[in-house]
Amino acid sequence: MFDLDKFSMKEHDIEEDAFNRVSAFISGFPARGKRKLKDLIQRGGGAVFDSLTPSITHMIVARQSLENNEDLAFWRSMTSGRPLGMNFISF
């Protein structure tokens, strides 16, 4: 399982296009964890947005916030244009 607290950007080379064409939305993480994920995605050529819209391709949700996550509830209520990928990460 991916452990965000132990992840260090300096220890990993990220391919410039690793996240090419990824439009991500990050939910349920503390500010520090959200910054780490945002930096990782942007270094790999992706984009991170502050709102969940039909143009988002991936939603990254903290495992610890699944039960009461309003963004996840909103995603479930979307009838079209939902993100293609869902990732649950521990922090």
N, C-alpha and C. Protein backbone atom coordinates (compact mmCIF):
# COMPACT_ATOMS: atom_id res chain seq x y z
N MET A 1 0.83 -1.16 0.00
CA MET A 1 0.00 0.00 0.00
C MET A 1 0.89 1.24 0.00
N PHE A 2 0.50 2.23 -0.73
CA PHE A 2 1.23 3.48 -0.83
C PHE A 2 1.10 4.27 0.47
N ASP A 3 2.22 4.64 1.07
CA ASP A 3 2.21 5.41 2.31
C ASP A 3 2.70 6.82 2.01
N LEU A 4 1.79 7.77 2.00
CA LEU A 4 2.10 9.14 1.62
C LEU A 4 3.07 9.79 2.59
N ASP A 5 2.98 9.47 3.87
CA ASP A 5 3.88 10.07 4.86
C ASP A 5 5.33 9.67 4.63
N LYS A 6 5.56 8.48 4.13
CA LYS A 6 6.92 8.01 3.91
C LYS A 6 7.45 8.37 2.53
N PHE A 7 6.60 8.89 1.68
CA PHE A 7 6.99 9.22 0.31
C PHE A 7 7.78 10.52 0.30
N SER A 8 8.89 10.51 -0.39
CA SER A 8 9.70 11.72 -0.54
C SER A 8 9.90 12.00 -2.02
N MET A 9 9.55 13.21 -2.42
CA MET A 9 9.68 13.58 -3.83
C MET A 9 11.13 13.49 -4.31
N LYS A 10 12.07 13.82 -3.46
CA LYS A 10 13.48 13.84 -3.84
C LYS A 10 14.01 12.45 -4.16
N GLU A 11 13.40 11.42 -3.62
CA GLU A 11 13.89 10.06 -3.82
C GLU A 11 13.36 9.43 -5.10
N HIS A 12 12.46 10.08 -5.80
CA HIS A 12 11.83 9.47 -6.96
C HIS A 12 11.96 10.34 -8.19
N ASP A 13 12.42 9.74 -9.27
CA ASP A 13 12.41 10.42 -10.55
C ASP A 13 11.06 10.16 -11.19
N ILE A 14 10.39 11.20 -11.55
CA ILE A 14 9.08 11.09 -12.18
C ILE A 14 9.23 11.41 -13.66
N GLU A 15 8.80 10.50 -14.49
CA GLU A 15 8.83 10.75 -15.93
C GLU A 15 8.00 11.99 -16.23
N GLU A 16 8.48 12.83 -17.14
CA GLU A 16 7.79 14.08 -17.46
C GLU A 16 6.36 13.86 -17.93
N ASP A 17 6.10 12.72 -18.52
CA ASP A 17 4.76 12.48 -19.05
C ASP A 17 4.03 11.35 -18.31
N ALA A 18 4.47 11.02 -17.11
CA ALA A 18 3.87 9.93 -16.35
C ALA A 18 2.38 10.16 -16.10
N PHE A 19 1.99 11.40 -15.93
CA PHE A 19 0.59 11.74 -15.68
C PHE A 19 0.00 12.58 -16.81
N ASN A 20 0.57 12.43 -17.99
CA ASN A 20 0.07 13.16 -19.16
C ASN A 20 -1.42 12.86 -19.36
N ARG A 21 -2.19 13.89 -19.60
CA ARG A 21 -3.64 13.80 -19.82
C ARG A 21 -4.43 13.44 -18.57
N VAL A 22 -3.81 13.52 -17.41
CA VAL A 22 -4.52 13.28 -16.16
C VAL A 22 -4.99 14.62 -15.60
N SER A 23 -6.27 14.70 -15.32
CA SER A 23 -6.87 15.85 -14.63
C SER A 23 -7.40 15.29 -13.32
N ALA A 24 -6.72 15.62 -12.24
CA ALA A 24 -7.02 14.98 -10.95
C ALA A 24 -7.72 15.93 -9.99
N PHE A 25 -8.47 15.30 -9.10
CA PHE A 25 -9.08 15.99 -7.96
C PHE A 25 -8.68 15.20 -6.73
N ILE A 26 -8.15 15.88 -5.70
CA ILE A 26 -7.64 15.23 -4.50
C ILE A 26 -8.56 15.58 -3.34
N SER A 27 -8.98 14.57 -2.57
CA SER A 27 -9.94 14.82 -1.49
C SER A 27 -9.59 14.05 -0.23
N GLY A 28 -9.81 14.69 0.91
CA GLY A 28 -9.69 14.02 2.20
C GLY A 28 -8.31 13.97 2.81
N PHE A 29 -7.35 14.64 2.22
CA PHE A 29 -5.98 14.63 2.73
C PHE A 29 -5.70 15.91 3.52
N PRO A 30 -4.81 15.82 4.51
CA PRO A 30 -4.36 17.05 5.16
C PRO A 30 -3.58 17.89 4.13
N ALA A 31 -3.41 19.16 4.41
CA ALA A 31 -2.78 20.08 3.45
C ALA A 31 -1.42 19.57 2.96
N ARG A 32 -0.60 19.05 3.87
CA ARG A 32 0.73 18.56 3.49
C ARG A 32 0.65 17.39 2.50
N GLY A 33 -0.23 16.46 2.77
CA GLY A 33 -0.40 15.32 1.87
C GLY A 33 -0.94 15.73 0.52
N LYS A 34 -1.88 16.65 0.53
CA LYS A 34 -2.44 17.14 -0.73
C LYS A 34 -1.37 17.83 -1.56
N ARG A 35 -0.50 18.61 -0.90
CA ARG A 35 0.60 19.28 -1.63
C ARG A 35 1.54 18.26 -2.25
N LYS A 36 1.88 17.19 -1.49
CA LYS A 36 2.78 16.16 -2.03
C LYS A 36 2.18 15.51 -3.27
N LEU A 37 0.92 15.14 -3.20
CA LEU A 37 0.27 14.51 -4.34
C LEU A 37 0.18 15.46 -5.53
N LYS A 38 -0.17 16.71 -5.26
CA LYS A 38 -0.28 17.70 -6.32
C LYS A 38 1.07 17.90 -7.02
N ASP A 39 2.14 18.02 -6.23
CA ASP A 39 3.48 18.17 -6.81
C ASP A 39 3.86 16.96 -7.65
N LEU A 40 3.58 15.77 -7.16
CA LEU A 40 3.89 14.54 -7.88
C LEU A 40 3.18 14.51 -9.24
N ILE A 41 1.90 14.80 -9.24
CA ILE A 41 1.11 14.77 -10.47
C ILE A 41 1.57 15.84 -11.44
N GLN A 42 1.83 17.04 -10.93
CA GLN A 42 2.26 18.13 -11.81
C GLN A 42 3.65 17.88 -12.38
N ARG A 43 4.55 17.30 -11.59
CA ARG A 43 5.89 16.96 -12.10
C ARG A 43 5.80 15.94 -13.23
N GLY A 44 4.78 15.11 -13.19
CA GLY A 44 4.59 14.10 -14.22
C GLY A 44 3.72 14.58 -15.39
N GLY A 45 3.43 15.87 -15.45
CA GLY A 45 2.71 16.41 -16.60
C GLY A 45 1.20 16.47 -16.45
N GLY A 46 0.68 16.16 -15.28
CA GLY A 46 -0.76 16.20 -15.06
C GLY A 46 -1.21 17.51 -14.45
N ALA A 47 -2.51 17.63 -14.28
CA ALA A 47 -3.10 18.82 -13.68
C ALA A 47 -3.97 18.42 -12.49
N VAL A 48 -4.01 19.27 -11.49
CA VAL A 48 -4.83 19.04 -10.31
C VAL A 48 -5.77 20.23 -10.16
N PHE A 49 -7.05 19.93 -9.98
CA PHE A 49 -8.06 20.97 -9.88
C PHE A 49 -8.70 20.98 -8.50
N ASP A 50 -9.25 22.14 -8.12
CA ASP A 50 -9.84 22.32 -6.80
C ASP A 50 -11.31 21.99 -6.73
N SER A 51 -11.91 21.66 -7.85
CA SER A 51 -13.33 21.29 -7.83
C SER A 51 -13.56 20.05 -8.68
N LEU A 52 -14.56 19.30 -8.29
CA LEU A 52 -14.89 18.05 -8.96
C LEU A 52 -15.90 18.34 -10.07
N THR A 53 -15.45 18.23 -11.30
CA THR A 53 -16.28 18.51 -12.47
C THR A 53 -16.19 17.35 -13.44
N PRO A 54 -17.04 17.33 -14.47
CA PRO A 54 -16.97 16.26 -15.46
C PRO A 54 -15.64 16.17 -16.21
N SER A 55 -14.84 17.24 -16.20
CA SER A 55 -13.56 17.20 -16.91
C SER A 55 -12.47 16.47 -16.13
N ILE A 56 -12.72 16.13 -14.88
CA ILE A 56 -11.75 15.41 -14.05
C ILE A 56 -11.68 13.95 -14.52
N THR A 57 -10.45 13.46 -14.72
CA THR A 57 -10.29 12.07 -15.15
C THR A 57 -10.01 11.12 -13.98
N HIS A 58 -9.44 11.64 -12.89
CA HIS A 58 -9.08 10.80 -11.75
C HIS A 58 -9.39 11.52 -10.45
N MET A 59 -9.98 10.78 -9.52
CA MET A 59 -10.25 11.31 -8.19
C MET A 59 -9.42 10.50 -7.21
N ILE A 60 -8.62 11.19 -6.39
CA ILE A 60 -7.76 10.53 -5.41
C ILE A 60 -8.31 10.84 -4.03
N VAL A 61 -8.70 9.80 -3.30
CA VAL A 61 -9.38 9.97 -2.02
C VAL A 61 -8.58 9.27 -0.93
N ALA A 62 -8.44 9.95 0.21
CA ALA A 62 -7.77 9.36 1.37
C ALA A 62 -8.65 8.25 1.94
N ARG A 63 -8.07 7.10 2.17
CA ARG A 63 -8.82 5.97 2.75
C ARG A 63 -9.48 6.35 4.07
N GLN A 64 -8.78 7.15 4.86
CA GLN A 64 -9.28 7.50 6.18
C GLN A 64 -10.53 8.38 6.14
N SER A 65 -10.86 8.94 5.00
CA SER A 65 -12.01 9.85 4.93
C SER A 65 -13.17 9.30 4.10
N LEU A 66 -13.19 8.02 3.85
CA LEU A 66 -14.20 7.45 2.96
C LEU A 66 -15.63 7.56 3.49
N GLU A 67 -15.82 7.36 4.78
CA GLU A 67 -17.18 7.32 5.33
C GLU A 67 -17.89 8.66 5.28
N ASN A 68 -17.19 9.75 5.56
CA ASN A 68 -17.83 11.06 5.65
C ASN A 68 -17.35 12.04 4.59
N ASN A 69 -16.85 11.54 3.49
CA ASN A 69 -16.29 12.41 2.47
C ASN A 69 -17.40 12.97 1.57
N GLU A 70 -17.63 14.27 1.66
CA GLU A 70 -18.68 14.92 0.87
C GLU A 70 -18.37 14.88 -0.63
N ASP A 71 -17.08 14.97 -0.99
CA ASP A 71 -16.71 14.92 -2.40
C ASP A 71 -17.03 13.56 -3.00
N LEU A 72 -16.78 12.50 -2.24
CA LEU A 72 -17.09 11.15 -2.70
C LEU A 72 -18.59 10.96 -2.85
N ALA A 73 -19.36 11.49 -1.92
CA ALA A 73 -20.83 11.43 -2.02
C ALA A 73 -21.31 12.17 -3.26
N PHE A 74 -20.72 13.33 -3.53
CA PHE A 74 -21.08 14.09 -4.73
C PHE A 74 -20.73 13.29 -5.99
N TRP A 75 -19.54 12.67 -5.99
CA TRP A 75 -19.12 11.86 -7.14
C TRP A 75 -20.13 10.74 -7.40
N ARG A 76 -20.57 10.11 -6.33
CA ARG A 76 -21.54 9.01 -6.48
C ARG A 76 -22.87 9.50 -7.03
N SER A 77 -23.21 10.76 -6.78
CA SER A 77 -24.48 11.30 -7.26
C SER A 77 -24.42 11.78 -8.71
N MET A 78 -23.22 11.92 -9.25
CA MET A 78 -23.07 12.38 -10.63
C MET A 78 -23.63 11.31 -11.58
N THR A 79 -24.45 11.73 -12.51
CA THR A 79 -25.04 10.76 -13.44
C THR A 79 -24.24 10.63 -14.72
N SER A 80 -23.42 11.62 -15.02
CA SER A 80 -22.56 11.52 -16.20
C SER A 80 -21.30 12.33 -15.95
N GLY A 81 -20.29 12.06 -16.72
CA GLY A 81 -19.05 12.80 -16.62
C GLY A 81 -18.26 12.50 -15.35
N ARG A 82 -18.43 11.30 -14.81
CA ARG A 82 -17.68 10.94 -13.61
C ARG A 82 -16.23 10.63 -13.96
N PRO A 83 -15.30 10.85 -13.01
CA PRO A 83 -13.90 10.52 -13.27
C PRO A 83 -13.74 9.06 -13.67
N LEU A 84 -12.75 8.81 -14.52
CA LEU A 84 -12.49 7.44 -14.98
C LEU A 84 -11.82 6.59 -13.92
N GLY A 85 -10.96 7.20 -13.12
CA GLY A 85 -10.21 6.44 -12.13
C GLY A 85 -10.48 6.91 -10.72
N MET A 86 -10.53 5.95 -9.82
CA MET A 86 -10.67 6.25 -8.39
C MET A 86 -9.49 5.61 -7.69
N ASN A 87 -8.77 6.36 -6.89
CA ASN A 87 -7.64 5.85 -6.15
C ASN A 87 -7.83 6.17 -4.68
N PHE A 88 -7.59 5.17 -3.82
CA PHE A 88 -7.72 5.35 -2.39
C PHE A 88 -6.34 5.15 -1.77
N ILE A 89 -5.85 6.18 -1.08
CA ILE A 89 -4.49 6.17 -0.56
C ILE A 89 -4.51 6.41 0.95
N SER A 90 -3.66 5.71 1.66
CA SER A 90 -3.53 5.93 3.10
C SER A 90 -2.53 7.04 3.36
N PHE A 91 -2.76 7.78 4.41
CA PHE A 91 -1.78 8.79 4.82
C PHE A 91 -1.46 8.64 6.28
